């Protein structure tokens, strides 16, 4: 899953794609390098990010959905939003998947709406909001609480008629560095949910703070953790760097041919 941030303040590539030609070139590059999906986000979910209105999010994302599909009609677009109205308008415009960082907690209409839209739904684990999550990383048993969260959310989604569900443990969301690594270390336990697992560690602080580097210097670290995530059972990698992620996928697939 290739990331396309349409925000001016994302932690790695905020403001990088400012006009239509840059956006289309980046989408073309990611598709050429092997991305199965393109994940579009217009609301920055980095810790402490500014809150923006529904209208602002719609103005940022809806024209880009139309733009990309006019040039790449077969592209599978995932919409990174927690707002049901944005989800509805983007699916109506031709997008295919909803990726919700809040799993319906920030918009009580979201799960019902996705059920009506009959599209796949990515549920992520997070506590609070992007503005408050950094202070909400208290757990008595992290993995157990994440499992319970997904059990509840998956049941709610099924009840709403959502058939295709992907779970995302939410690396960096209401979790400190050690908690992120604990979750990665035990990622295979989430396979008990019987659902595809999405891992999003690309260039995150768990990498660059551990290595005393920066997001721009974190590609090698990202590759290392992507490989671990795949070996631990992840089915989808959400990444800024598709070529390198596909190399991980191909090498792990080759390795797994001899371990099954």
Protein backbone atom coordinates (compact mmCIF):
# COMPACT_ATOMS: atom_id res chain seq x y z
CA UNK A 1 0.00 0.00 0.00
CA UNK A 2 1.66 3.19 -1.21
CA UNK A 3 1.09 6.33 0.86
CA UNK A 4 0.03 9.58 -0.77
CA UNK A 5 -0.29 12.34 1.82
CA UNK A 6 -2.27 15.38 0.69
CA UNK A 7 -1.47 17.30 3.87
CA UNK A 8 1.00 20.14 4.38
CA UNK A 9 2.14 18.84 7.78
CA UNK A 10 2.68 15.07 7.65
CA UNK A 11 5.81 13.97 9.51
CA UNK A 12 7.73 12.76 6.42
CA UNK A 13 6.25 13.97 3.13
CA UNK A 14 3.95 16.80 4.16
CA UNK A 15 3.50 19.34 1.37
CA UNK A 16 5.65 17.33 -1.03
CA UNK A 17 2.95 16.85 -3.68
CA UNK A 18 1.61 20.31 -4.37
CA UNK A 19 0.20 20.13 -7.87
CA UNK A 20 -1.58 17.68 -10.13
CA UNK A 21 1.49 16.71 -12.16
CA UNK A 22 3.52 15.87 -9.02
CA UNK A 23 0.64 13.82 -7.64
CA UNK A 24 0.17 11.87 -10.86
CA UNK A 25 3.90 11.24 -11.22
CA UNK A 26 4.09 9.86 -7.68
CA UNK A 27 1.04 7.63 -8.20
CA UNK A 28 2.48 6.37 -11.48
CA UNK A 29 5.80 5.65 -9.75
CA UNK A 30 4.16 3.70 -6.92
CA UNK A 31 1.97 1.68 -9.26
CA UNK A 32 4.94 0.91 -11.52
CA UNK A 33 6.95 -0.23 -8.50
CA UNK A 34 4.25 -2.71 -7.52
CA UNK A 35 1.76 -1.01 -5.19
CA UNK A 36 -1.52 -2.90 -4.99
CA UNK A 37 -3.32 0.05 -3.39
CA UNK A 38 -2.75 3.78 -3.08
CA UNK A 39 -3.73 5.19 0.32
CA UNK A 40 -4.84 8.83 0.15
CA UNK A 41 -4.94 10.92 3.29
CA UNK A 42 -5.87 14.58 3.70
CA UNK A 43 -5.96 14.79 7.51
CA UNK A 44 -2.58 14.54 9.21
CA UNK A 45 -2.68 11.95 12.00
CA UNK A 46 0.82 12.53 13.34
CA UNK A 47 0.93 13.16 17.10
CA UNK A 48 -0.30 16.67 17.90
CA UNK A 49 -1.32 17.45 14.31
CA UNK A 50 -3.67 20.37 13.73
CA UNK A 51 -7.35 19.56 13.50
CA UNK A 52 -8.98 20.53 10.20
CA UNK A 53 -12.64 20.88 9.23
CA UNK A 54 -14.64 18.39 7.18
CA UNK A 55 -14.84 20.96 4.37
CA UNK A 56 -11.06 21.39 4.30
CA UNK A 57 -10.48 17.64 4.21
CA UNK A 58 -13.00 17.25 1.39
CA UNK A 59 -11.41 20.09 -0.62
CA UNK A 60 -8.02 18.42 -0.29
CA UNK A 61 -8.99 14.85 -1.12
CA UNK A 62 -12.06 14.62 -3.37
CA UNK A 63 -10.58 16.31 -6.46
CA UNK A 64 -7.50 14.10 -6.16
CA UNK A 65 -9.57 10.91 -6.16
CA UNK A 66 -11.16 12.08 -9.42
CA UNK A 67 -7.79 13.17 -10.85
CA UNK A 68 -6.04 9.86 -10.13
CA UNK A 69 -8.87 7.71 -11.45
CA UNK A 70 -9.13 9.79 -14.63
CA UNK A 71 -5.47 8.95 -15.37
CA UNK A 72 -5.30 5.49 -13.75
CA UNK A 73 -8.84 4.08 -13.92
CA UNK A 74 -7.78 0.67 -12.62
CA UNK A 75 -6.01 2.04 -9.54
CA UNK A 76 -7.38 0.77 -6.23
CA UNK A 77 -7.69 3.78 -3.94
CA UNK A 78 -7.87 3.52 -0.18
CA UNK A 79 -9.17 6.59 1.67
CA UNK A 80 -7.50 7.39 4.98
CA UNK A 81 -10.30 9.16 6.86
CA UNK A 82 -12.28 8.82 10.07
CA UNK A 83 -15.24 10.84 8.74
CA UNK A 84 -18.25 9.06 7.24
CA UNK A 85 -19.18 11.93 4.93
CA UNK A 86 -15.69 11.93 3.37
CA UNK A 87 -15.84 8.15 3.06
CA UNK A 88 -19.17 8.30 1.23
CA UNK A 89 -18.12 11.01 -1.22
CA UNK A 90 -14.80 9.34 -2.04
CA UNK A 91 -16.37 5.91 -2.60
CA UNK A 92 -19.02 7.54 -4.78
CA UNK A 93 -16.14 9.12 -6.77
CA UNK A 94 -14.60 5.70 -7.38
CA UNK A 95 -12.39 4.88 -4.39
CA UNK A 96 -12.52 1.30 -3.14
CA UNK A 97 -11.44 0.99 0.53
CA UNK A 98 -11.86 2.98 3.74
CA UNK A 99 -8.88 3.16 6.11
CA UNK A 100 -10.07 4.51 9.48
CA UNK A 101 -7.47 5.30 12.15
CA UNK A 102 -10.21 5.40 14.79
CA UNK A 103 -12.16 2.24 13.83
CA UNK A 104 -15.36 4.25 14.09
CA UNK A 105 -14.61 5.90 17.44
CA UNK A 106 -14.33 9.44 16.03
CA UNK A 107 -17.52 9.27 13.95
CA UNK A 108 -20.36 7.14 15.25
CA UNK A 109 -21.82 6.92 11.73
CA UNK A 110 -18.67 5.50 10.12
CA UNK A 111 -19.13 1.75 10.66
CA UNK A 112 -22.79 1.87 9.63
CA UNK A 113 -21.84 3.93 6.56
CA UNK A 114 -19.10 1.52 5.45
CA UNK A 115 -21.54 -1.34 5.86
CA UNK A 116 -23.95 0.42 3.53
CA UNK A 117 -21.18 1.23 1.04
CA UNK A 118 -20.19 -2.47 0.92
CA UNK A 119 -16.46 -1.78 0.69
CA UNK A 120 -13.47 -3.19 2.63
CA UNK A 121 -12.71 -1.50 5.93
CA UNK A 122 -9.34 -1.11 7.65
CA UNK A 123 -9.74 -0.90 11.43
CA UNK A 124 -6.80 0.62 13.31
CA UNK A 125 -6.09 0.52 17.03
CA UNK A 126 -5.80 3.96 18.61
CA UNK A 127 -6.86 5.62 21.84
CA UNK A 128 -8.05 9.22 21.85
CA UNK A 129 -7.41 11.48 18.87
CA UNK A 130 -4.25 12.51 17.00
CA UNK A 131 -4.19 15.55 19.27
CA UNK A 132 -4.42 13.55 22.56
CA UNK A 133 -3.12 10.04 21.80
CA UNK A 134 0.46 10.71 22.89
CA UNK A 135 -0.65 10.92 26.54
CA UNK A 136 -2.90 7.84 26.35
CA UNK A 137 -0.32 5.05 26.19
CA UNK A 138 -1.09 3.40 29.53
CA UNK A 139 -1.76 -0.35 29.29
CA UNK A 140 -1.79 -3.16 31.82
CA UNK A 141 -1.29 -5.71 29.02
CA UNK A 142 -0.78 -4.06 25.62
CA UNK A 143 -1.32 -7.03 23.34
CA UNK A 144 -4.28 -8.33 25.33
CA UNK A 145 -5.95 -4.91 25.19
CA UNK A 146 -5.32 -4.58 21.45
CA UNK A 147 -6.81 -8.06 20.91
CA UNK A 148 -9.90 -7.17 22.95
CA UNK A 149 -10.29 -3.89 21.05
CA UNK A 150 -10.26 -5.71 17.70
CA UNK A 151 -12.66 -8.39 18.93
CA UNK A 152 -15.16 -5.69 19.85
CA UNK A 153 -14.65 -3.64 16.69
CA UNK A 154 -14.78 -6.61 14.33
CA UNK A 155 -18.05 -7.77 15.93
CA UNK A 156 -19.47 -4.26 15.50
CA UNK A 157 -18.36 -4.16 11.87
CA UNK A 158 -19.83 -7.58 11.11
CA UNK A 159 -23.12 -6.51 12.66
CA UNK A 160 -23.16 -3.52 10.30
CA UNK A 161 -22.73 -5.79 7.28
CA UNK A 162 -19.03 -5.20 6.60
CA UNK A 163 -17.65 -8.37 5.00
CA UNK A 164 -14.04 -7.47 4.25
CA UNK A 165 -12.06 -6.31 7.28
CA UNK A 166 -8.35 -5.61 7.69
CA UNK A 167 -6.80 -4.88 11.10
CA UNK A 168 -3.98 -2.42 11.73
CA UNK A 169 -2.30 -2.48 15.19
CA UNK A 170 -1.56 1.23 14.89
CA UNK A 171 2.18 1.54 15.39
CA UNK A 172 2.88 4.96 16.89
CA UNK A 173 -0.73 5.65 17.85
CA UNK A 174 -1.08 5.90 21.64
CA UNK A 175 2.06 3.79 21.97
CA UNK A 176 5.60 4.72 22.95
CA UNK A 177 8.71 3.27 21.31
CA UNK A 178 9.02 0.25 23.60
CA UNK A 179 5.31 -0.51 23.20
CA UNK A 180 5.65 -0.37 19.42
CA UNK A 181 8.46 -2.92 19.53
CA UNK A 182 6.53 -5.12 21.97
CA UNK A 183 3.60 -5.09 19.56
CA UNK A 184 5.84 -5.92 16.60
CA UNK A 185 7.49 -8.72 18.58
CA UNK A 186 4.08 -10.30 19.27
CA UNK A 187 2.39 -9.37 16.00
CA UNK A 188 1.71 -13.00 15.08
CA UNK A 189 -0.77 -13.18 17.99
CA UNK A 190 -3.10 -10.87 16.06
CA UNK A 191 -3.53 -13.70 13.54
CA UNK A 192 -5.95 -15.13 16.11
CA UNK A 193 -8.46 -12.60 14.73
CA UNK A 194 -8.43 -14.53 11.43
CA UNK A 195 -8.12 -11.32 9.41
CA UNK A 196 -5.42 -9.74 7.22
CA UNK A 197 -2.98 -7.59 9.21
CA UNK A 198 -1.73 -4.25 7.91
CA UNK A 199 1.60 -2.99 9.26
CA UNK A 200 2.42 0.71 9.01
CA UNK A 201 5.90 1.39 10.37
CA UNK A 202 7.26 3.34 7.42
CA UNK A 203 9.78 5.99 8.56
CA UNK A 204 8.07 6.32 11.96
CA UNK A 205 9.63 7.55 15.19
CA UNK A 206 10.08 4.01 16.52
CA UNK A 207 12.77 3.76 13.84
CA UNK A 208 14.44 7.13 13.75
CA UNK A 209 14.37 7.78 17.49
CA UNK A 210 15.85 4.34 18.18
CA UNK A 211 18.60 5.01 15.61
CA UNK A 212 19.08 8.70 16.57
CA UNK A 213 18.37 9.72 12.98
CA UNK A 214 15.55 11.43 11.07
CA UNK A 215 12.53 10.31 9.01
CA UNK A 216 14.48 11.01 5.79
CA UNK A 217 17.27 8.70 7.00
CA UNK A 218 14.93 5.87 8.00
CA UNK A 219 14.51 3.84 4.82
CA UNK A 220 16.94 1.10 5.85
CA UNK A 221 15.31 0.85 9.28
CA UNK A 222 11.89 0.72 7.63
CA UNK A 223 13.03 -2.16 5.44
CA UNK A 224 14.27 -4.03 8.50
CA UNK A 225 11.00 -3.68 10.39
CA UNK A 226 8.88 -4.37 7.30
CA UNK A 227 10.71 -7.68 6.94
CA UNK A 228 10.03 -8.56 10.57
CA UNK A 229 6.35 -7.61 10.17
CA UNK A 230 5.99 -9.89 7.15
CA UNK A 231 7.66 -12.77 8.98
CA UNK A 232 5.29 -12.15 11.90
CA UNK A 233 2.21 -12.45 9.69
CA UNK A 234 1.51 -9.04 8.17
CA UNK A 235 -0.34 -9.24 4.84
CA UNK A 236 -0.09 -5.59 3.82
CA UNK A 237 2.71 -3.06 4.25
CA UNK A 238 1.68 0.60 4.25
CA UNK A 239 4.76 2.46 2.99
CA UNK A 240 6.24 5.62 1.53
CA UNK A 241 8.80 3.62 -0.48
CA UNK A 242 7.09 1.00 -2.62
CA UNK A 243 10.10 -0.40 -4.50
CA UNK A 244 11.97 -1.28 -1.34
CA UNK A 245 8.84 -2.71 0.31
CA UNK A 246 8.17 -4.93 -2.70
CA UNK A 247 11.72 -6.25 -2.43
CA UNK A 248 10.91 -7.23 1.17
CA UNK A 249 7.71 -8.93 0.03
CA UNK A 250 9.44 -10.87 -2.75
CA UNK A 251 12.35 -11.99 -0.57
CA UNK A 252 10.10 -13.06 2.32
CA UNK A 253 7.83 -14.93 -0.09
CA UNK A 254 10.89 -16.76 -1.43
CA UNK A 255 12.06 -17.53 2.10
CA UNK A 256 8.61 -18.80 3.09
CA UNK A 257 8.64 -21.23 0.17
CA UNK A 258 11.27 -23.20 2.08
CA UNK A 259 9.76 -22.92 5.55
CA UNK A 260 6.15 -24.04 5.03
